[in-house]
Amino acid sequence: GKQRELVASITRAGIMYYEDSVKGRFII
């Protein structure tokens, strides 16, 4: 019932991004 959302990403150089709800819990 929800749209697809990005939760984490990582660049070729290893720079990471996390959606607020998973910060501190998920590691990409």
PDB file of all heavy atoms in Angstrom:
ATOM      1  N   GLY A   1       0.776  -1.220   0.000  1.00  0.00           N
ATOM      2  CA  GLY A   1       0.000   0.000   0.000  1.00  0.00           C
ATOM      3  C   GLY A   1       0.812   1.277   0.000  1.00  0.00           C
ATOM      4  O   GLY A   1       0.234   2.363   0.100  1.00  0.00           O
ATOM      5  N   LYS A   2       2.127   1.174  -0.116  1.00  0.00           N
ATOM      6  CA  LYS A   2       2.982   2.354  -0.089  1.00  0.00           C
ATOM      7  C   LYS A   2       3.864   2.418  -1.323  1.00  0.00           C
ATOM      8  O   LYS A   2       4.056   1.420  -2.016  1.00  0.00           O
ATOM      9  CB  LYS A   2       3.853   2.353   1.164  1.00  0.00           C
ATOM     10  CG  LYS A   2       3.073   2.437   2.464  1.00  0.00           C
ATOM     11  CD  LYS A   2       4.005   2.526   3.647  1.00  0.00           C
ATOM     12  CE  LYS A   2       3.239   2.658   4.940  1.00  0.00           C
ATOM     13  NZ  LYS A   2       4.152   2.737   6.114  1.00  0.00           N
ATOM     14  N   GLN A   3       4.386   3.596  -1.596  1.00  0.00           N
ATOM     15  CA  GLN A   3       5.291   3.775  -2.717  1.00  0.00           C
ATOM     16  C   GLN A   3       6.684   3.260  -2.377  1.00  0.00           C
ATOM     17  O   GLN A   3       7.075   3.199  -1.210  1.00  0.00           O
ATOM     18  CB  GLN A   3       5.380   5.254  -3.097  1.00  0.00           C
ATOM     19  CG  GLN A   3       4.091   5.860  -3.608  1.00  0.00           C
ATOM     20  CD  GLN A   3       4.300   7.261  -4.115  1.00  0.00           C
ATOM     21  OE1 GLN A   3       4.818   7.460  -5.220  1.00  0.00           O
ATOM     22  NE2 GLN A   3       3.902   8.230  -3.327  1.00  0.00           N
ATOM     23  N   ARG A   4       7.419   2.904  -3.406  1.00  0.00           N
ATOM     24  CA  ARG A   4       8.799   2.500  -3.214  1.00  0.00           C
ATOM     25  C   ARG A   4       9.618   3.685  -2.724  1.00  0.00           C
ATOM     26  O   ARG A   4       9.459   4.805  -3.206  1.00  0.00           O
ATOM     27  CB  ARG A   4       9.363   1.966  -4.537  1.00  0.00           C
ATOM     28  CG  ARG A   4      10.789   1.469  -4.457  1.00  0.00           C
ATOM     29  CD  ARG A   4      11.248   0.957  -5.819  1.00  0.00           C
ATOM     30  NE  ARG A   4      10.772  -0.398  -6.094  1.00  0.00           N
ATOM     31  CZ  ARG A   4       9.937  -0.718  -7.069  1.00  0.00           C
ATOM     32  NH1 ARG A   4       9.458   0.205  -7.887  1.00  0.00           N
ATOM     33  NH2 ARG A   4       9.570  -1.989  -7.236  1.00  0.00           N
ATOM     34  N   GLU A   5      10.487   3.455  -1.748  1.00  0.00           N
ATOM     35  CA  GLU A   5      11.310   4.512  -1.203  1.00  0.00           C
ATOM     36  C   GLU A   5      12.763   4.066  -1.087  1.00  0.00           C
ATOM     37  O   GLU A   5      13.054   2.895  -0.860  1.00  0.00           O
ATOM     38  CB  GLU A   5      10.796   4.947   0.176  1.00  0.00           C
ATOM     39  CG  GLU A   5      10.877   3.854   1.237  1.00  0.00           C
ATOM     40  CD  GLU A   5      10.472   4.317   2.622  1.00  0.00           C
ATOM     41  OE1 GLU A   5      10.283   5.530   2.822  1.00  0.00           O
ATOM     42  OE2 GLU A   5      10.347   3.451   3.515  1.00  0.00           O
ATOM     43  N   LEU A   6      13.660   5.024  -1.219  1.00  0.00           N
ATOM     44  CA  LEU A   6      15.081   4.763  -1.038  1.00  0.00           C
ATOM     45  C   LEU A   6      15.402   4.795   0.447  1.00  0.00           C
ATOM     46  O   LEU A   6      15.059   5.751   1.137  1.00  0.00           O
ATOM     47  CB  LEU A   6      15.914   5.811  -1.770  1.00  0.00           C
ATOM     48  CG  LEU A   6      17.428   5.692  -1.643  1.00  0.00           C
ATOM     49  CD1 LEU A   6      17.934   4.455  -2.382  1.00  0.00           C
ATOM     50  CD2 LEU A   6      18.105   6.949  -2.180  1.00  0.00           C
ATOM     51  N   VAL A   7      16.074   3.767   0.948  1.00  0.00           N
ATOM     52  CA  VAL A   7      16.409   3.730   2.364  1.00  0.00           C
ATOM     53  C   VAL A   7      17.903   3.888   2.621  1.00  0.00           C
ATOM     54  O   VAL A   7      18.296   4.307   3.715  1.00  0.00           O
ATOM     55  CB  VAL A   7      15.893   2.448   3.053  1.00  0.00           C
ATOM     56  CG1 VAL A   7      14.373   2.405   3.000  1.00  0.00           C
ATOM     57  CG2 VAL A   7      16.482   1.194   2.418  1.00  0.00           C
ATOM     58  N   ALA A   8      18.739   3.566   1.650  1.00  0.00           N
ATOM     59  CA  ALA A   8      20.176   3.704   1.828  1.00  0.00           C
ATOM     60  C   ALA A   8      20.861   3.706   0.478  1.00  0.00           C
ATOM     61  O   ALA A   8      20.385   3.076  -0.470  1.00  0.00           O
ATOM     62  CB  ALA A   8      20.741   2.575   2.693  1.00  0.00           C
ATOM     63  N   SER A   9      21.982   4.403   0.373  1.00  0.00           N
ATOM     64  CA  SER A   9      22.748   4.404  -0.863  1.00  0.00           C
ATOM     65  C   SER A   9      24.221   4.552  -0.555  1.00  0.00           C
ATOM     66  O   SER A   9      24.609   4.994   0.531  1.00  0.00           O
ATOM     67  CB  SER A   9      22.283   5.514  -1.812  1.00  0.00           C
ATOM     68  OG  SER A   9      22.549   6.794  -1.271  1.00  0.00           O
ATOM     69  N   ILE A  10      25.039   4.195  -1.527  1.00  0.00           N
ATOM     70  CA  ILE A  10      26.482   4.308  -1.377  1.00  0.00           C
ATOM     71  C   ILE A  10      27.095   4.642  -2.727  1.00  0.00           C
ATOM     72  O   ILE A  10      26.771   4.031  -3.745  1.00  0.00           O
ATOM     73  CB  ILE A  10      27.079   3.018  -0.769  1.00  0.00           C
ATOM     74  CG1 ILE A  10      28.573   3.180  -0.503  1.00  0.00           C
ATOM     75  CG2 ILE A  10      26.792   1.803  -1.658  1.00  0.00           C
ATOM     76  CD1 ILE A  10      29.145   2.068   0.375  1.00  0.00           C
ATOM     77  N   THR A  11      27.978   5.633  -2.744  1.00  0.00           N
ATOM     78  CA  THR A  11      28.626   6.037  -3.987  1.00  0.00           C
ATOM     79  C   THR A  11      29.783   5.106  -4.302  1.00  0.00           C
ATOM     80  O   THR A  11      30.167   4.247  -3.510  1.00  0.00           O
ATOM     81  CB  THR A  11      29.146   7.476  -3.898  1.00  0.00           C
ATOM     82  OG1 THR A  11      30.276   7.522  -3.015  1.00  0.00           O
ATOM     83  CG2 THR A  11      28.068   8.434  -3.409  1.00  0.00           C
ATOM     84  N   ARG A  12      30.363   5.295  -5.477  1.00  0.00           N
ATOM     85  CA  ARG A  12      31.516   4.493  -5.869  1.00  0.00           C
ATOM     86  C   ARG A  12      32.693   4.705  -4.927  1.00  0.00           C
ATOM     87  O   ARG A  12      33.522   3.806  -4.763  1.00  0.00           O
ATOM     88  CB  ARG A  12      31.921   4.832  -7.306  1.00  0.00           C
ATOM     89  CG  ARG A  12      30.920   4.358  -8.356  1.00  0.00           C
ATOM     90  CD  ARG A  12      31.265   4.908  -9.723  1.00  0.00           C
ATOM     91  NE  ARG A  12      31.077   6.348  -9.783  1.00  0.00           N
ATOM     92  CZ  ARG A  12      31.430   7.118 -10.803  1.00  0.00           C
ATOM     93  NH1 ARG A  12      31.997   6.581 -11.876  1.00  0.00           N
ATOM     94  NH2 ARG A  12      31.210   8.420 -10.765  1.00  0.00           N
ATOM     95  N   ALA A  13      32.746   5.877  -4.310  1.00  0.00           N
ATOM     96  CA  ALA A  13      33.813   6.191  -3.379  1.00  0.00           C
ATOM     97  C   ALA A  13      33.500   5.770  -1.949  1.00  0.00           C
ATOM     98  O   ALA A  13      34.335   5.937  -1.061  1.00  0.00           O
ATOM     99  CB  ALA A  13      34.116   7.688  -3.412  1.00  0.00           C
ATOM    100  N   GLY A  14      32.285   5.259  -1.720  1.00  0.00           N
ATOM    101  CA  GLY A  14      31.922   4.776  -0.402  1.00  0.00           C
ATOM    102  C   GLY A  14      31.187   5.763   0.482  1.00  0.00           C
ATOM    103  O   GLY A  14      31.051   5.518   1.691  1.00  0.00           O
ATOM    104  N   ILE A  15      30.711   6.876  -0.074  1.00  0.00           N
ATOM    105  CA  ILE A  15      29.936   7.831   0.698  1.00  0.00           C
ATOM    106  C   ILE A  15      28.523   7.301   0.863  1.00  0.00           C
ATOM    107  O   ILE A  15      27.881   6.920  -0.121  1.00  0.00           O
ATOM    108  CB  ILE A  15      29.911   9.205   0.031  1.00  0.00           C
ATOM    109  CG1 ILE A  15      31.342   9.699  -0.239  1.00  0.00           C
ATOM    110  CG2 ILE A  15      29.144  10.202   0.890  1.00  0.00           C
ATOM    111  CD1 ILE A  15      32.200   9.802   0.992  1.00  0.00           C
ATOM    112  N   MET A  16      28.026   7.298   2.097  1.00  0.00           N
ATOM    113  CA  MET A  16      26.760   6.660   2.405  1.00  0.00           C
ATOM    114  C   MET A  16      25.656   7.647   2.741  1.00  0.00           C
ATOM    115  O   MET A  16      25.904   8.731   3.271  1.00  0.00           O
ATOM    116  CB  MET A  16      26.948   5.686   3.574  1.00  0.00           C
ATOM    117  CG  MET A  16      27.846   4.518   3.243  1.00  0.00           C
ATOM    118  SD  MET A  16      28.362   3.601   4.713  1.00  0.00           S
ATOM    119  CE  MET A  16      29.613   4.708   5.353  1.00  0.00           C
ATOM    120  N   TYR A  17      24.441   7.251   2.445  1.00  0.00           N
ATOM    121  CA  TYR A  17      23.241   7.998   2.780  1.00  0.00           C
ATOM    122  C   TYR A  17      22.241   7.034   3.407  1.00  0.00           C
ATOM    123  O   TYR A  17      22.127   5.879   2.973  1.00  0.00           O
ATOM    124  CB  TYR A  17      22.611   8.636   1.529  1.00  0.00           C
ATOM    125  CG  TYR A  17      21.143   8.934   1.696  1.00  0.00           C
ATOM    126  CD1 TYR A  17      20.708  10.100   2.313  1.00  0.00           C
ATOM    127  CD2 TYR A  17      20.174   8.024   1.253  1.00  0.00           C
ATOM    128  CE1 TYR A  17      19.362  10.364   2.492  1.00  0.00           C
ATOM    129  CE2 TYR A  17      18.823   8.282   1.425  1.00  0.00           C
ATOM    130  CZ  TYR A  17      18.423   9.451   2.044  1.00  0.00           C
ATOM    131  OH  TYR A  17      17.080   9.708   2.223  1.00  0.00           O
ATOM    132  N   TYR A  18      21.503   7.518   4.410  1.00  0.00           N
ATOM    133  CA  TYR A  18      20.461   6.721   5.035  1.00  0.00           C
ATOM    134  C   TYR A  18      19.206   7.549   5.232  1.00  0.00           C
ATOM    135  O   TYR A  18      19.277   8.718   5.622  1.00  0.00           O
ATOM    136  CB  TYR A  18      20.902   6.187   6.393  1.00  0.00           C
ATOM    137  CG  TYR A  18      22.084   5.261   6.332  1.00  0.00           C
ATOM    138  CD1 TYR A  18      23.370   5.724   6.597  1.00  0.00           C
ATOM    139  CD2 TYR A  18      21.918   3.920   6.006  1.00  0.00           C
ATOM    140  CE1 TYR A  18      24.455   4.872   6.541  1.00  0.00           C
ATOM    141  CE2 TYR A  18      23.002   3.061   5.945  1.00  0.00           C
ATOM    142  CZ  TYR A  18      24.265   3.542   6.216  1.00  0.00           C
ATOM    143  OH  TYR A  18      25.348   2.689   6.159  1.00  0.00           O
ATOM    144  N   GLU A  19      18.074   6.941   4.968  1.00  0.00           N
ATOM    145  CA  GLU A  19      16.803   7.552   5.299  1.00  0.00           C
ATOM    146  C   GLU A  19      16.692   7.612   6.825  1.00  0.00           C
ATOM    147  O   GLU A  19      17.211   6.746   7.529  1.00  0.00           O
ATOM    148  CB  GLU A  19      15.667   6.733   4.680  1.00  0.00           C
ATOM    149  CG  GLU A  19      14.313   7.423   4.658  1.00  0.00           C
ATOM    150  CD  GLU A  19      13.530   7.160   5.922  1.00  0.00           C
ATOM    151  OE1 GLU A  19      13.714   6.091   6.529  1.00  0.00           O
ATOM    152  OE2 GLU A  19      12.724   8.033   6.293  1.00  0.00           O
ATOM    153  N   ASP A  20      16.023   8.638   7.321  1.00  0.00           N
ATOM    154  CA  ASP A  20      16.010   8.892   8.757  1.00  0.00           C
ATOM    155  C   ASP A  20      15.555   7.696   9.590  1.00  0.00           C
ATOM    156  O   ASP A  20      16.097   7.435  10.674  1.00  0.00           O
ATOM    157  CB  ASP A  20      15.122  10.094   9.076  1.00  0.00           C
ATOM    158  CG  ASP A  20      15.746  11.412   8.678  1.00  0.00           C
ATOM    159  OD1 ASP A  20      16.973  11.451   8.445  1.00  0.00           O
ATOM    160  OD2 ASP A  20      15.013  12.412   8.609  1.00  0.00           O
ATOM    161  N   SER A  21      14.581   6.962   9.109  1.00  0.00           N
ATOM    162  CA  SER A  21      14.007   5.884   9.907  1.00  0.00           C
ATOM    163  C   SER A  21      14.954   4.698  10.108  1.00  0.00           C
ATOM    164  O   SER A  21      14.725   3.876  10.993  1.00  0.00           O
ATOM    165  CB  SER A  21      12.698   5.389   9.282  1.00  0.00           C
ATOM    166  OG  SER A  21      12.930   4.735   8.053  1.00  0.00           O
ATOM    167  N   VAL A  22      16.012   4.611   9.310  1.00  0.00           N
ATOM    168  CA  VAL A  22      16.933   3.480   9.437  1.00  0.00           C
ATOM    169  C   VAL A  22      18.316   3.895   9.933  1.00  0.00           C
ATOM    170  O   VAL A  22      19.170   3.029  10.148  1.00  0.00           O
ATOM    171  CB  VAL A  22      17.075   2.700   8.108  1.00  0.00           C
ATOM    172  CG1 VAL A  22      15.705   2.312   7.564  1.00  0.00           C
ATOM    173  CG2 VAL A  22      17.860   3.497   7.074  1.00  0.00           C
ATOM    174  N   LYS A  23      18.545   5.169  10.138  1.00  0.00           N
ATOM    175  CA  LYS A  23      19.838   5.635  10.629  1.00  0.00           C
ATOM    176  C   LYS A  23      20.158   5.000  11.978  1.00  0.00           C
ATOM    177  O   LYS A  23      19.324   4.944  12.868  1.00  0.00           O
ATOM    178  CB  LYS A  23      19.847   7.159  10.764  1.00  0.00           C
ATOM    179  CG  LYS A  23      19.925   7.901   9.450  1.00  0.00           C
ATOM    180  CD  LYS A  23      19.938   9.408   9.672  1.00  0.00           C
ATOM    181  CE  LYS A  23      20.034  10.153   8.354  1.00  0.00           C
ATOM    182  NZ  LYS A  23      19.984  11.619   8.557  1.00  0.00           N
ATOM    183  N   GLY A  24      21.384   4.520  12.110  1.00  0.00           N
ATOM    184  CA  GLY A  24      21.808   3.879  13.336  1.00  0.00           C
ATOM    185  C   GLY A  24      21.454   2.413  13.420  1.00  0.00           C
ATOM    186  O   GLY A  24      21.916   1.723  14.339  1.00  0.00           O
ATOM    187  N   ARG A  25      20.647   1.923  12.494  1.00  0.00           N
ATOM    188  CA  ARG A  25      20.241   0.523  12.503  1.00  0.00           C
ATOM    189  C   ARG A  25      20.730  -0.246  11.276  1.00  0.00           C
ATOM    190  O   ARG A  25      21.067  -1.420  11.380  1.00  0.00           O
ATOM    191  CB  ARG A  25      18.717   0.400  12.583  1.00  0.00           C
ATOM    192  CG  ARG A  25      18.124   1.015  13.841  1.00  0.00           C
ATOM    193  CD  ARG A  25      16.649   0.658  13.996  1.00  0.00           C
ATOM    194  NE  ARG A  25      15.838   1.199  12.905  1.00  0.00           N
ATOM    195  CZ  ARG A  25      15.127   0.446  12.057  1.00  0.00           C
ATOM    196  NH1 ARG A  25      15.116  -0.880  12.186  1.00  0.00           N
ATOM    197  NH2 ARG A  25      14.411   1.016  11.101  1.00  0.00           N
ATOM    198  N   PHE A  26      20.748   0.407  10.123  1.00  0.00           N
ATOM    199  CA  PHE A  26      21.151  -0.240   8.880  1.00  0.00           C
ATOM    200  C   PHE A  26      22.529   0.243   8.460  1.00  0.00           C
ATOM    201  O   PHE A  26      22.898   1.399   8.695  1.00  0.00           O
ATOM    202  CB  PHE A  26      20.170   0.084   7.750  1.00  0.00           C
ATOM    203  CG  PHE A  26      18.800  -0.540   7.879  1.00  0.00           C
ATOM    204  CD1 PHE A  26      18.397  -1.175   9.039  1.00  0.00           C
ATOM    205  CD2 PHE A  26      17.918  -0.478   6.811  1.00  0.00           C
ATOM    206  CE1 PHE A  26      17.134  -1.739   9.151  1.00  0.00           C
ATOM    207  CE2 PHE A  26      16.658  -1.032   6.908  1.00  0.00           C
ATOM    208  CZ  PHE A  26      16.259  -1.660   8.069  1.00  0.00           C
ATOM    209  N   ILE A  27      23.283  -0.631   7.808  1.00  0.00           N
ATOM    210  CA  ILE A  27      24.596  -0.281   7.280  1.00  0.00           C
ATOM    211  C   ILE A  27      24.696  -0.788   5.847  1.00  0.00           C
ATOM    212  O   ILE A  27      24.537  -1.982   5.598  1.00  0.00           O
ATOM    213  CB  ILE A  27      25.736  -0.890   8.111  1.00  0.00           C
ATOM    214  CG1 ILE A  27      25.645  -0.438   9.568  1.00  0.00           C
ATOM    215  CG2 ILE A  27      27.089  -0.493   7.510  1.00  0.00           C
ATOM    216  CD1 ILE A  27      26.606  -1.157  10.497  1.00  0.00           C
ATOM    217  N   ILE A  28      24.956   0.124   4.918  1.00  0.00           N
ATOM    218  CA  ILE A  28      25.142  -0.259   3.524  1.00  0.00           C
ATOM    219  C   ILE A  28      26.635  -0.336   3.229  1.00  0.00           C
ATOM    220  O   ILE A  28      27.425   0.448   3.747  1.00  0.00           O
ATOM    221  CB  ILE A  28      24.434   0.725   2.562  1.00  0.00           C
ATOM    222  CG1 ILE A  28      24.458   0.199   1.123  1.00  0.00           C
ATOM    223  CG2 ILE A  28      25.034   2.116   2.651  1.00  0.00           C
ATOM    224  CD1 ILE A  28      23.577   0.995   0.163  1.00  0.00           C
TER     225      ILE A  28
END
